Every structure is written in C-alpha cells, then in structure tokens.
C-alpha cells in the first residue's frame, strides 16, 4: 500500500511540475506547489522512518523498498526540473515583447534555433515552446501547437527594431513587439 501511495504522489508531483513548465499561475506556485512539496516530503519521511524500523528488525535492504522508490522518483523529477530550467535559460539571440494594459507576449529566440513564447496577463501566463527560422526579415516559428497560439510568422523591421505579426502576407501593425536589449 505504501509503495502505491509513493508512486501516486510521485506521478501527481511530476504532472504538476510538467504543468508548471507550461503554465505560470501565481496562486498555483505560491500555495499549491509548496503544499505538494511538503506533502510529498512528509509522506517520504514517515515511510523512511517505518522502513528504518523494519530494517532494524529484519536486517534486509528490501525493507527500504518504499524509500528507494521515493528516491528514484525524486531523482527523475529533479532531472525533469533541470531540463525545464535548461530550456528556459538558454542563451538568447533576440527577445521581443508586446505589452498592453493587462496582458502581453514575450518572444525569446534562442541561439540554438529554439524559441519560447510567453503569453501572459496580470494573473497568469502560458509558455509555448518551438523552433524558429529567419529568412530575410521574416521570422517563422514551428512546432508550436497552432490551436493554442495563433501567430507563427513575424516581420522584423531592423530599422525600427520592432517585430510585427504577419496575417497571411499582411503585416499587422496593431501589435508592436519591441526589441528588449
């Protein structure tokens, strides 16, 4: 039973970490995520104490099976977190941002031809990951779910250091993505 509980908690913890990779919701990261961390570590600690007592009686390493399972789960989750951190903090080539009163979008073009698009408002945000190519003054993003993010081509005005979305072959001048320096 305790093995199943640790597996379920590890899967729940991993799922929430994955959601954190795509969504940025302050209440989630301030209240819910710490609660998940504390719950996971509390259950892990209780299981470790029980396993240690069982080990003292039986002198068998199998007594620590739930603890080992928990450590493997933590290790895998830590590797996932390192991957998340690595993808967000790659060296940027160009970063553009569009801001309105309550929302905005940041487009971060990385050196390795990947991009991170962060669509945000005052209370939450959403990350989109993909690749990009630059041909002349056109920047095209690929591998981003089309149903979730509407624009995949941009016109870069080098003279003004501004990025404009393209709708078909027309430049949408209503949104200006300013170059962050």
N, C-alpha and C. Protein backbone atom coordinates (compact mmCIF):
# COMPACT_ATOMS: atom_id res chain seq x y z
N UNK A 1 0.82 -1.20 0.00
CA UNK A 1 0.00 0.00 0.00
C UNK A 1 0.86 1.26 0.00
N UNK A 2 1.91 1.26 0.83
CA UNK A 2 2.73 2.47 0.89
C UNK A 2 3.50 2.68 -0.42
N UNK A 3 3.83 1.57 -1.12
CA UNK A 3 4.51 1.71 -2.42
C UNK A 3 3.60 2.41 -3.41
N UNK A 4 2.36 2.00 -3.41
CA UNK A 4 1.38 2.58 -4.32
C UNK A 4 1.17 4.06 -4.00
N UNK A 5 1.11 4.40 -2.72
CA UNK A 5 0.94 5.80 -2.32
C UNK A 5 2.11 6.65 -2.79
N UNK A 6 3.33 6.16 -2.67
CA UNK A 6 4.50 6.91 -3.12
C UNK A 6 4.49 7.06 -4.64
N UNK A 7 4.12 6.01 -5.35
CA UNK A 7 4.06 6.10 -6.81
C UNK A 7 3.00 7.12 -7.24
N UNK A 8 1.83 7.07 -6.62
CA UNK A 8 0.77 8.02 -6.96
C UNK A 8 1.20 9.44 -6.66
N UNK A 9 1.80 9.65 -5.50
CA UNK A 9 2.26 11.00 -5.16
C UNK A 9 3.36 11.47 -6.10
N UNK A 10 4.27 10.59 -6.49
CA UNK A 10 5.34 10.96 -7.42
C UNK A 10 4.76 11.32 -8.78
N UNK A 11 3.78 10.54 -9.25
CA UNK A 11 3.14 10.86 -10.53
C UNK A 11 2.40 12.19 -10.46
N UNK A 12 1.69 12.42 -9.36
CA UNK A 12 0.98 13.68 -9.18
C UNK A 12 1.97 14.85 -9.14
N UNK A 13 3.07 14.66 -8.42
CA UNK A 13 4.11 15.67 -8.31
C UNK A 13 4.72 15.94 -9.69
N UNK A 14 4.99 14.89 -10.45
CA UNK A 14 5.56 15.05 -11.79
C UNK A 14 4.60 15.74 -12.73
N UNK A 15 3.34 15.39 -12.66
CA UNK A 15 2.32 16.04 -13.50
C UNK A 15 2.26 17.54 -13.19
N UNK A 16 2.28 17.87 -11.92
CA UNK A 16 2.22 19.28 -11.54
C UNK A 16 3.47 20.03 -11.95
N UNK A 17 4.61 19.39 -11.89
CA UNK A 17 5.84 20.02 -12.36
C UNK A 17 5.77 20.25 -13.86
N UNK A 18 5.20 19.30 -14.60
CA UNK A 18 5.02 19.46 -16.04
C UNK A 18 4.09 20.63 -16.34
N UNK A 19 2.99 20.75 -15.59
CA UNK A 19 2.07 21.86 -15.78
C UNK A 19 2.77 23.19 -15.49
N UNK A 20 3.64 23.18 -14.50
CA UNK A 20 4.40 24.38 -14.17
C UNK A 20 5.31 24.78 -15.33
N UNK A 21 5.73 23.79 -16.14
CA UNK A 21 6.56 24.02 -17.32
C UNK A 21 5.81 24.82 -18.37
N UNK A 22 4.50 24.63 -18.46
CA UNK A 22 3.71 25.31 -19.48
C UNK A 22 2.91 26.49 -18.95
N UNK A 23 2.48 26.45 -17.70
CA UNK A 23 1.62 27.49 -17.15
C UNK A 23 2.32 28.23 -16.02
N UNK A 24 2.01 29.49 -15.92
CA UNK A 24 2.53 30.33 -14.85
C UNK A 24 1.33 30.96 -14.17
N UNK A 25 0.93 30.39 -13.05
CA UNK A 25 -0.23 30.88 -12.32
C UNK A 25 0.22 31.15 -10.90
N UNK A 26 0.30 32.42 -10.45
CA UNK A 26 0.88 32.74 -9.15
C UNK A 26 0.28 31.99 -7.97
N UNK A 27 -1.03 31.84 -7.92
CA UNK A 27 -1.64 31.13 -6.79
C UNK A 27 -1.14 29.69 -6.76
N UNK A 28 -1.00 29.10 -7.93
CA UNK A 28 -0.50 27.73 -8.03
C UNK A 28 0.91 27.63 -7.47
N UNK A 29 1.79 28.54 -7.91
CA UNK A 29 3.19 28.44 -7.50
C UNK A 29 3.42 28.91 -6.07
N UNK A 30 2.52 29.71 -5.51
CA UNK A 30 2.70 30.22 -4.15
C UNK A 30 2.05 29.31 -3.12
N UNK A 31 0.88 28.76 -3.44
CA UNK A 31 0.13 27.98 -2.45
C UNK A 31 0.13 26.49 -2.75
N UNK A 32 -0.27 26.11 -3.94
CA UNK A 32 -0.50 24.69 -4.25
C UNK A 32 0.82 23.92 -4.37
N UNK A 33 1.79 24.45 -5.10
CA UNK A 33 3.05 23.73 -5.29
C UNK A 33 3.79 23.49 -3.97
N UNK A 34 3.93 24.50 -3.09
CA UNK A 34 4.56 24.20 -1.78
C UNK A 34 3.80 23.15 -0.98
N UNK A 35 2.46 23.16 -1.06
CA UNK A 35 1.68 22.14 -0.36
C UNK A 35 2.01 20.75 -0.89
N UNK A 36 2.16 20.63 -2.20
CA UNK A 36 2.51 19.35 -2.81
C UNK A 36 3.91 18.92 -2.35
N UNK A 37 4.86 19.85 -2.35
CA UNK A 37 6.22 19.53 -1.89
C UNK A 37 6.20 19.05 -0.45
N UNK A 38 5.54 19.78 0.42
CA UNK A 38 5.52 19.44 1.85
C UNK A 38 4.84 18.09 2.05
N UNK A 39 3.73 17.84 1.36
CA UNK A 39 3.04 16.55 1.48
C UNK A 39 3.94 15.40 1.03
N UNK A 40 4.60 15.57 -0.12
CA UNK A 40 5.46 14.52 -0.63
C UNK A 40 6.59 14.22 0.36
N UNK A 41 7.25 15.27 0.86
CA UNK A 41 8.36 15.04 1.78
C UNK A 41 7.90 14.49 3.13
N UNK A 42 6.71 14.88 3.59
CA UNK A 42 6.18 14.33 4.84
C UNK A 42 5.92 12.83 4.70
N UNK A 43 5.27 12.44 3.61
CA UNK A 43 4.99 11.01 3.39
C UNK A 43 6.30 10.24 3.20
N UNK A 44 7.24 10.86 2.49
CA UNK A 44 8.54 10.22 2.28
C UNK A 44 9.25 10.01 3.62
N UNK A 45 9.23 11.00 4.48
CA UNK A 45 9.90 10.91 5.78
C UNK A 45 9.26 9.85 6.66
N UNK A 46 7.93 9.82 6.71
CA UNK A 46 7.23 8.80 7.50
C UNK A 46 7.58 7.40 6.99
N UNK A 47 7.59 7.23 5.67
CA UNK A 47 7.95 5.92 5.11
C UNK A 47 9.39 5.56 5.41
N UNK A 48 10.29 6.53 5.38
CA UNK A 48 11.69 6.25 5.70
C UNK A 48 11.82 5.76 7.14
N UNK A 49 11.14 6.42 8.07
CA UNK A 49 11.20 6.02 9.48
C UNK A 49 10.65 4.60 9.65
N UNK A 50 9.52 4.30 9.00
CA UNK A 50 8.95 2.94 9.07
C UNK A 50 9.90 1.92 8.45
N UNK A 51 10.47 2.27 7.31
CA UNK A 51 11.42 1.36 6.65
C UNK A 51 12.65 1.12 7.52
N UNK A 52 13.12 2.16 8.19
CA UNK A 52 14.31 2.02 9.03
C UNK A 52 14.02 1.10 10.21
N UNK A 53 12.85 1.24 10.81
CA UNK A 53 12.47 0.35 11.92
C UNK A 53 12.35 -1.10 11.43
N UNK A 54 11.77 -1.28 10.26
CA UNK A 54 11.65 -2.64 9.69
C UNK A 54 13.03 -3.21 9.39
N UNK A 55 13.95 -2.35 8.94
CA UNK A 55 15.31 -2.79 8.64
C UNK A 55 16.03 -3.22 9.92
N UNK A 56 15.83 -2.50 11.00
CA UNK A 56 16.47 -2.86 12.27
C UNK A 56 16.02 -4.24 12.74
N UNK A 57 14.77 -4.58 12.46
CA UNK A 57 14.26 -5.90 12.87
C UNK A 57 14.74 -7.00 11.93
N UNK A 58 14.63 -6.76 10.61
CA UNK A 58 14.90 -7.83 9.65
C UNK A 58 16.33 -7.84 9.10
N UNK A 59 17.01 -6.72 9.16
CA UNK A 59 18.38 -6.56 8.61
C UNK A 59 18.42 -6.85 7.10
N UNK A 60 17.30 -6.60 6.41
CA UNK A 60 17.22 -6.80 4.96
C UNK A 60 17.06 -5.44 4.27
N UNK A 61 17.82 -5.26 3.20
CA UNK A 61 17.73 -4.00 2.46
C UNK A 61 16.39 -3.82 1.78
N UNK A 62 15.67 -4.90 1.54
CA UNK A 62 14.34 -4.80 0.93
C UNK A 62 13.37 -4.01 1.81
N UNK A 63 13.72 -3.83 3.08
CA UNK A 63 12.89 -3.03 3.97
C UNK A 63 12.81 -1.58 3.48
N UNK A 64 13.81 -1.16 2.72
CA UNK A 64 13.87 0.22 2.23
C UNK A 64 13.28 0.38 0.83
N UNK A 65 12.46 -0.58 0.39
CA UNK A 65 11.95 -0.52 -0.98
C UNK A 65 11.14 0.76 -1.24
N UNK A 66 10.28 1.16 -0.31
CA UNK A 66 9.49 2.39 -0.50
C UNK A 66 10.40 3.61 -0.51
N UNK A 67 11.42 3.59 0.33
CA UNK A 67 12.36 4.72 0.37
C UNK A 67 13.13 4.81 -0.94
N UNK A 68 13.60 3.67 -1.45
CA UNK A 68 14.33 3.68 -2.73
C UNK A 68 13.43 4.15 -3.86
N UNK A 69 12.18 3.71 -3.84
CA UNK A 69 11.22 4.15 -4.86
C UNK A 69 11.02 5.66 -4.78
N UNK A 70 10.91 6.18 -3.57
CA UNK A 70 10.78 7.63 -3.39
C UNK A 70 12.01 8.38 -3.87
N UNK A 71 13.20 7.84 -3.59
CA UNK A 71 14.44 8.49 -4.04
C UNK A 71 14.56 8.47 -5.57
N UNK A 72 14.18 7.36 -6.17
CA UNK A 72 14.21 7.29 -7.64
C UNK A 72 13.22 8.31 -8.22
N UNK A 73 12.03 8.40 -7.63
CA UNK A 73 11.03 9.38 -8.09
C UNK A 73 11.57 10.80 -7.97
N UNK A 74 12.17 11.11 -6.83
CA UNK A 74 12.74 12.45 -6.63
C UNK A 74 13.86 12.73 -7.64
N UNK A 75 14.69 11.73 -7.89
CA UNK A 75 15.77 11.90 -8.86
C UNK A 75 15.25 12.18 -10.26
N UNK A 76 14.23 11.43 -10.68
CA UNK A 76 13.63 11.66 -12.01
C UNK A 76 12.98 13.04 -12.09
N UNK A 77 12.29 13.43 -11.03
CA UNK A 77 11.66 14.76 -11.03
C UNK A 77 12.71 15.86 -11.06
N UNK A 78 13.81 15.65 -10.36
CA UNK A 78 14.89 16.65 -10.36
C UNK A 78 15.50 16.76 -11.76
N UNK A 79 15.68 15.65 -12.45
CA UNK A 79 16.19 15.69 -13.83
C UNK A 79 15.22 16.43 -14.75
N UNK A 80 13.92 16.22 -14.56
CA UNK A 80 12.91 16.93 -15.34
C UNK A 80 13.01 18.43 -15.06
N UNK A 81 13.16 18.80 -13.79
CA UNK A 81 13.30 20.22 -13.43
C UNK A 81 14.55 20.82 -14.07
N UNK A 82 15.66 20.10 -14.05
CA UNK A 82 16.89 20.61 -14.67
C UNK A 82 16.69 20.83 -16.16
N UNK A 83 15.96 19.94 -16.83
CA UNK A 83 15.66 20.10 -18.25
C UNK A 83 14.81 21.35 -18.48
N UNK A 84 13.80 21.54 -17.64
CA UNK A 84 12.96 22.73 -17.72
C UNK A 84 13.79 23.99 -17.57
N UNK A 85 14.63 24.03 -16.55
CA UNK A 85 15.47 25.19 -16.28
C UNK A 85 16.46 25.44 -17.43
N UNK A 86 17.00 24.38 -17.97
CA UNK A 86 17.93 24.49 -19.09
C UNK A 86 17.26 25.11 -20.32
N UNK A 87 16.04 24.65 -20.63
CA UNK A 87 15.33 25.17 -21.80
C UNK A 87 14.96 26.64 -21.65
N UNK A 88 14.58 27.05 -20.45
CA UNK A 88 14.20 28.45 -20.25
C UNK A 88 15.40 29.39 -20.21
N UNK A 89 16.55 28.88 -19.80
CA UNK A 89 17.70 29.76 -19.59
C UNK A 89 18.80 29.61 -20.63
N UNK A 90 18.47 29.06 -21.80
CA UNK A 90 19.45 29.02 -22.88
C UNK A 90 19.77 30.44 -23.31
N UNK A 91 20.92 30.61 -23.92
CA UNK A 91 21.33 31.94 -24.35
C UNK A 91 20.40 32.47 -25.45
N UNK A 92 19.94 33.69 -25.27
CA UNK A 92 19.02 34.31 -26.22
C UNK A 92 19.77 35.09 -27.28
N UNK A 93 19.23 35.07 -28.50
CA UNK A 93 19.75 35.87 -29.60
C UNK A 93 18.99 37.19 -29.63
N UNK A 94 17.66 37.09 -29.69
CA UNK A 94 16.78 38.25 -29.70
C UNK A 94 15.58 37.97 -28.79
N UNK A 95 15.14 39.01 -28.10
CA UNK A 95 13.94 38.91 -27.28
C UNK A 95 13.06 40.11 -27.58
N UNK A 96 11.79 39.82 -27.89
CA UNK A 96 10.82 40.86 -28.21
C UNK A 96 9.68 40.79 -27.22
N UNK A 97 9.06 41.95 -26.98
CA UNK A 97 7.93 41.95 -26.05
C UNK A 97 6.86 42.93 -26.50
N UNK A 98 5.62 42.48 -26.40
CA UNK A 98 4.45 43.30 -26.66
C UNK A 98 3.70 43.43 -25.34
N UNK A 99 3.38 44.66 -24.93
CA UNK A 99 2.64 44.88 -23.68
C UNK A 99 1.43 45.75 -23.94
N UNK A 100 0.31 45.36 -23.32
CA UNK A 100 -0.86 46.23 -23.29
C UNK A 100 -1.13 46.51 -21.82
N UNK A 101 -2.30 47.00 -21.50
CA UNK A 101 -2.60 47.36 -20.11
C UNK A 101 -2.54 46.17 -19.15
N UNK A 102 -3.15 45.05 -19.54
CA UNK A 102 -3.21 43.92 -18.60
C UNK A 102 -2.58 42.64 -19.11
N UNK A 103 -2.14 42.62 -20.35
CA UNK A 103 -1.53 41.38 -20.85
C UNK A 103 -0.38 41.70 -21.79
N UNK A 104 0.29 40.65 -22.23
CA UNK A 104 1.41 40.83 -23.15
C UNK A 104 1.94 39.49 -23.64
N UNK A 105 2.92 39.60 -24.51
CA UNK A 105 3.57 38.41 -25.06
C UNK A 105 5.06 38.71 -25.19
N UNK A 106 5.86 37.74 -24.77
CA UNK A 106 7.31 37.84 -24.93
C UNK A 106 7.77 36.71 -25.84
N UNK A 107 8.57 37.05 -26.83
CA UNK A 107 9.11 36.05 -27.76
C UNK A 107 10.62 36.03 -27.56
N UNK A 108 11.12 34.88 -27.15
CA UNK A 108 12.54 34.73 -26.84
C UNK A 108 13.15 33.76 -27.84
N UNK A 109 13.97 34.28 -28.76
CA UNK A 109 14.63 33.45 -29.76
C UNK A 109 15.99 33.04 -29.22
N UNK A 110 16.20 31.74 -29.10
CA UNK A 110 17.42 31.20 -28.50
C UNK A 110 18.48 30.96 -29.57
N UNK A 111 19.71 30.87 -29.12
CA UNK A 111 20.86 30.68 -30.01
C UNK A 111 20.79 29.36 -30.78
N UNK A 112 20.19 28.34 -30.18
CA UNK A 112 20.13 27.01 -30.81
C UNK A 112 18.90 26.82 -31.71
N UNK A 113 18.30 27.94 -32.15
CA UNK A 113 17.14 27.94 -33.07
C UNK A 113 15.85 27.44 -32.42
N UNK A 114 15.78 27.44 -31.09
CA UNK A 114 14.53 27.18 -30.39
C UNK A 114 13.97 28.52 -29.92
N UNK A 115 12.68 28.53 -29.62
CA UNK A 115 12.08 29.76 -29.11
C UNK A 115 11.12 29.43 -27.98
N UNK A 116 10.95 30.42 -27.10
CA UNK A 116 9.99 30.34 -26.01
C UNK A 116 9.08 31.55 -26.16
N UNK A 117 7.80 31.30 -26.28
CA UNK A 117 6.82 32.38 -26.35
C UNK A 117 6.04 32.35 -25.04
N UNK A 118 6.05 33.47 -24.34
CA UNK A 118 5.37 33.57 -23.05
C UNK A 118 4.22 34.55 -23.21
N UNK A 119 3.01 34.03 -23.18
CA UNK A 119 1.79 34.82 -23.32
C UNK A 119 1.25 35.02 -21.91
N UNK A 120 1.14 36.26 -21.43
CA UNK A 120 0.81 36.49 -20.03
C UNK A 120 -0.25 37.57 -19.84
N UNK A 121 -0.84 37.55 -18.65
CA UNK A 121 -1.73 38.61 -18.20
C UNK A 121 -1.31 38.95 -16.78
N UNK A 122 -2.10 39.79 -16.12
CA UNK A 122 -1.75 40.17 -14.75
C UNK A 122 -1.76 38.99 -13.78
N UNK A 123 -2.61 37.99 -14.02
CA UNK A 123 -2.75 36.91 -13.04
C UNK A 123 -2.21 35.56 -13.48
N UNK A 124 -1.89 35.39 -14.75
CA UNK A 124 -1.38 34.08 -15.17
C UNK A 124 -0.64 34.21 -16.49
N UNK A 125 -0.07 33.12 -16.93
CA UNK A 125 0.65 33.11 -18.19
C UNK A 125 0.76 31.71 -18.75
N UNK A 126 1.18 31.62 -19.99
CA UNK A 126 1.31 30.32 -20.66
C UNK A 126 2.57 30.34 -21.50
N UNK A 127 3.38 29.27 -21.41
CA UNK A 127 4.59 29.13 -22.20
C UNK A 127 4.31 28.26 -23.42
N UNK A 128 4.89 28.64 -24.55
CA UNK A 128 4.84 27.83 -25.77
C UNK A 128 6.29 27.63 -26.22
N UNK A 129 6.63 26.42 -26.59
CA UNK A 129 7.99 26.08 -26.98
C UNK A 129 7.98 25.62 -28.44
N UNK A 130 9.01 25.98 -29.17
CA UNK A 130 9.10 25.54 -30.55
C UNK A 130 10.45 25.90 -31.14
N UNK A 131 10.51 25.94 -32.45
CA UNK A 131 11.73 26.29 -33.18
C UNK A 131 11.42 27.51 -34.05
N UNK A 132 12.47 28.10 -34.59
CA UNK A 132 12.26 29.23 -35.49
C UNK A 132 13.31 29.22 -36.59
N UNK A 133 12.96 29.90 -37.68
CA UNK A 133 13.90 30.14 -38.77
C UNK A 133 13.78 31.61 -39.15
N UNK A 134 14.88 32.18 -39.59
CA UNK A 134 14.88 33.58 -40.04
C UNK A 134 15.30 33.57 -41.50
N UNK A 135 14.43 34.10 -42.35
CA UNK A 135 14.74 34.26 -43.78
C UNK A 135 14.48 35.72 -44.12
N UNK A 136 15.53 36.43 -44.46
CA UNK A 136 15.47 37.87 -44.69
C UNK A 136 14.92 38.55 -43.43
N UNK A 137 13.76 39.18 -43.53
CA UNK A 137 13.17 39.86 -42.38
C UNK A 137 11.98 39.10 -41.82
N UNK A 138 11.80 37.85 -42.23
CA UNK A 138 10.66 37.05 -41.76
C UNK A 138 11.17 36.01 -40.75
N UNK A 139 10.54 36.00 -39.60
CA UNK A 139 10.83 35.00 -38.57
C UNK A 139 9.63 34.07 -38.52
N UNK A 140 9.87 32.79 -38.73
CA UNK A 140 8.79 31.81 -38.71
C UNK A 140 9.03 30.82 -37.57
N UNK A 141 8.00 30.66 -36.73
CA UNK A 141 8.09 29.69 -35.65
C UNK A 141 7.43 28.39 -36.10
N UNK A 142 7.97 27.27 -35.64
CA UNK A 142 7.42 25.95 -35.98
C UNK A 142 7.33 25.11 -34.72
N UNK A 143 6.59 24.02 -34.82
CA UNK A 143 6.40 23.06 -33.72
C UNK A 143 5.68 23.66 -32.52
N UNK A 144 4.92 24.73 -32.73
CA UNK A 144 4.09 25.30 -31.68
C UNK A 144 2.66 24.92 -32.02
N UNK A 145 1.91 24.43 -31.04
CA UNK A 145 0.54 23.99 -31.30
C UNK A 145 -0.27 25.14 -31.87
N UNK A 146 -0.73 24.99 -33.10
CA UNK A 146 -1.44 26.05 -33.81
C UNK A 146 -2.77 26.40 -33.16
N UNK A 147 -3.43 25.42 -32.53
CA UNK A 147 -4.73 25.71 -31.93
C UNK A 147 -4.61 26.54 -30.66
N UNK A 148 -3.40 26.60 -30.09
CA UNK A 148 -3.23 27.34 -28.86
C UNK A 148 -2.58 28.71 -29.07
N UNK A 149 -1.75 28.84 -30.08
CA UNK A 149 -1.11 30.12 -30.32
C UNK A 149 -1.33 30.47 -31.79
N UNK A 150 -1.87 31.64 -32.05
CA UNK A 150 -2.41 31.94 -33.37
C UNK A 150 -1.40 32.41 -34.41
N UNK A 151 -0.30 32.98 -34.01
CA UNK A 151 0.63 33.58 -34.99
C UNK A 151 1.91 32.76 -35.08
N UNK A 152 2.32 32.45 -36.32
CA UNK A 152 3.56 31.70 -36.48
C UNK A 152 4.56 32.40 -37.40
N UNK A 153 4.20 33.57 -37.95
CA UNK A 153 5.14 34.33 -38.78
C UNK A 153 5.17 35.78 -38.33
N UNK A 154 6.37 36.33 -38.36
CA UNK A 154 6.57 37.71 -37.92
C UNK A 154 7.48 38.44 -38.91
N UNK A 155 7.25 39.73 -39.02
CA UNK A 155 8.12 40.58 -39.85
C UNK A 155 8.98 41.40 -38.90
N UNK A 156 10.30 41.35 -39.10
CA UNK A 156 11.24 42.09 -38.25
C UNK A 156 11.74 43.31 -38.99
N UNK A 157 11.37 44.48 -38.48
CA UNK A 157 11.85 45.74 -39.05
C UNK A 157 13.17 46.08 -38.36
N UNK A 158 14.27 45.83 -39.06
CA UNK A 158 15.59 46.08 -38.49
C UNK A 158 15.81 47.56 -38.22
N UNK A 159 15.22 48.39 -39.06
CA UNK A 159 15.39 49.84 -38.92
C UNK A 159 14.81 50.33 -37.59
N UNK A 160 13.62 49.83 -37.24
CA UNK A 160 12.95 50.27 -36.01
C UNK A 160 13.18 49.33 -34.83
N UNK A 161 13.81 48.18 -35.06
CA UNK A 161 13.98 47.13 -34.04
C UNK A 161 12.63 46.70 -33.47
N UNK A 162 11.68 46.48 -34.38
CA UNK A 162 10.32 46.10 -33.99
C UNK A 162 9.92 44.85 -34.76
N UNK A 163 9.17 43.99 -34.09
CA UNK A 163 8.65 42.77 -34.69
C UNK A 163 7.13 42.91 -34.83
N UNK A 164 6.61 42.61 -36.01
CA UNK A 164 5.17 42.68 -36.27
C UNK A 164 4.65 41.30 -36.67
N UNK A 165 3.48 40.90 -36.18
CA UNK A 165 2.89 39.64 -36.64
C UNK A 165 2.47 39.74 -38.10
N UNK A 166 2.54 38.63 -38.79
CA UNK A 166 2.05 38.56 -40.17
C UNK A 166 0.75 37.76 -40.18
N UNK A 167 -0.25 38.33 -40.83
CA UNK A 167 -1.52 37.61 -41.03
C UNK A 167 -1.64 37.38 -42.51
N UNK A 168 -1.31 36.16 -42.92
CA UNK A 168 -1.18 35.87 -44.35
C UNK A 168 0.08 36.57 -44.85
N UNK A 169 -0.08 37.45 -45.81
CA UNK A 169 1.07 38.22 -46.29
C UNK A 169 1.01 39.67 -45.83
N UNK A 170 0.00 39.98 -44.99
CA UNK A 170 -0.19 41.34 -44.49
C UNK A 170 0.48 41.51 -43.13
N UNK A 171 1.11 42.65 -42.93
CA UNK A 171 1.73 42.97 -41.65
C UNK A 171 0.66 43.57 -40.74
N UNK A 172 0.56 43.05 -39.52
CA UNK A 172 -0.39 43.55 -38.53
C UNK A 172 0.32 44.62 -37.69
N UNK A 173 0.09 45.88 -38.03
CA UNK A 173 0.76 46.98 -37.33
C UNK A 173 0.12 47.29 -35.98
N UNK A 174 -0.98 46.61 -35.64
CA UNK A 174 -1.64 46.88 -34.36
C UNK A 174 -0.86 46.30 -33.18
N UNK A 175 -0.02 45.33 -33.42
CA UNK A 175 0.81 44.76 -32.36
C UNK A 175 2.27 45.03 -32.66
N UNK A 176 2.92 45.73 -31.77
CA UNK A 176 4.36 46.00 -31.91
C UNK A 176 5.11 45.24 -30.84
N UNK A 177 5.98 44.36 -31.26
CA UNK A 177 6.85 43.66 -30.33
C UNK A 177 8.17 44.41 -30.32
N UNK A 178 8.47 45.07 -29.20
CA UNK A 178 9.70 45.86 -29.12
C UNK A 178 10.87 44.97 -28.74
N UNK A 179 12.03 45.29 -29.31
CA UNK A 179 13.23 44.53 -29.02
C UNK A 179 13.72 44.86 -27.62
N UNK A 180 13.89 43.82 -26.79
CA UNK A 180 14.46 44.01 -25.43
C UNK A 180 15.97 43.96 -25.56
N UNK A 181 16.61 44.89 -24.95
CA UNK A 181 18.08 44.92 -25.04
C UNK A 181 18.71 44.68 -23.70
